[in-house]
Protein backbone atom coordinates (compact mmCIF):
# COMPACT_ATOMS: atom_id res chain seq x y z
CA UNK A 1 0.00 0.00 0.00
CA UNK A 2 2.78 2.43 0.80
CA UNK A 3 4.15 2.01 -2.69
CA UNK A 4 0.74 2.71 -4.22
CA UNK A 5 0.32 5.85 -2.12
CA UNK A 6 3.83 6.93 -3.06
CA UNK A 7 3.00 6.59 -6.75
CA UNK A 8 -0.21 8.56 -6.27
CA UNK A 9 1.66 11.34 -4.48
CA UNK A 10 4.35 11.38 -7.14
CA UNK A 11 1.72 11.52 -9.87
CA UNK A 12 -0.14 14.37 -8.11
CA UNK A 13 3.10 16.30 -7.61
CA UNK A 14 4.08 15.90 -11.26
CA UNK A 15 0.65 17.05 -12.42
CA UNK A 16 0.78 20.07 -10.12
CA UNK A 17 3.70 21.37 -12.19
CA UNK A 18 1.18 22.21 -14.88
CA UNK A 19 -1.28 24.13 -12.70
CA UNK A 20 0.00 27.50 -13.91
CA UNK A 21 -0.19 26.42 -17.53
CA UNK A 22 -3.72 25.09 -17.06
CA UNK A 23 -4.70 28.42 -15.52
CA UNK A 24 -3.19 30.34 -18.45
CA UNK A 25 -5.01 28.13 -20.93
CA UNK A 26 -8.30 28.65 -19.09
CA UNK A 27 -7.87 32.43 -19.25
CA UNK A 28 -6.95 32.27 -22.94
CA UNK A 29 -9.97 30.13 -23.77
CA UNK A 30 -12.24 32.58 -21.96
CA UNK A 31 -10.65 35.51 -23.82
CA UNK A 32 -11.13 33.74 -27.15
CA UNK A 33 -14.79 33.17 -26.28
CA UNK A 34 -15.17 36.89 -25.56
CA UNK A 35 -13.44 37.83 -28.81
CA UNK A 36 -15.64 35.49 -30.85
CA UNK A 37 -18.73 36.97 -29.24
CA UNK A 38 -17.49 40.47 -30.08
CA UNK A 39 -16.81 39.43 -33.69
CA UNK A 40 -20.32 38.00 -33.98
CA UNK A 41 -21.79 41.25 -32.68
CA UNK A 42 -19.68 43.36 -35.04
CA UNK A 43 -20.54 41.16 -38.02
CA UNK A 44 -24.26 41.43 -37.23
CA UNK A 45 -23.94 45.22 -36.99
CA UNK A 46 -22.04 45.33 -40.29
CA UNK A 47 -24.63 43.21 -42.06
CA UNK A 48 -27.47 45.34 -40.71
CA UNK A 49 -25.85 48.66 -41.59
CA UNK A 50 -24.98 47.68 -45.16
CA UNK A 51 -28.21 45.83 -45.97
CA UNK A 52 -26.54 42.46 -46.42
CA UNK A 53 -29.84 40.55 -46.64
CA UNK A 54 -31.17 42.81 -49.37
CA UNK A 55 -27.88 42.63 -51.28
CA UNK A 56 -27.89 38.84 -51.04
CA UNK A 57 -31.45 38.64 -52.35
CA UNK A 58 -30.58 40.95 -55.25
CA UNK A 59 -27.62 38.74 -56.12
CA UNK A 60 -29.75 35.61 -56.07
CA UNK A 61 -32.43 37.24 -58.21
CA UNK A 62 -29.91 38.44 -60.77
CA UNK A 63 -28.32 35.00 -60.96
CA UNK A 64 -31.63 33.25 -61.55
CA UNK A 65 -32.75 35.55 -64.40
CA UNK A 66 -32.49 33.87 -67.77
């Protein structure tokens, strides 16, 4: 049993070396989520301000005319 506990402690200690890295990755993932949300909002605003839906419909109509 002592050997098993020693391995578990060793394993836990080795994994703890990466706690800082895991924290950095967590912060970076959260920041990426925020940036993607911001991009979605900006894209929606761009589409609305330049009439993207109307432009798209006009393109489809002009392509289907024979």
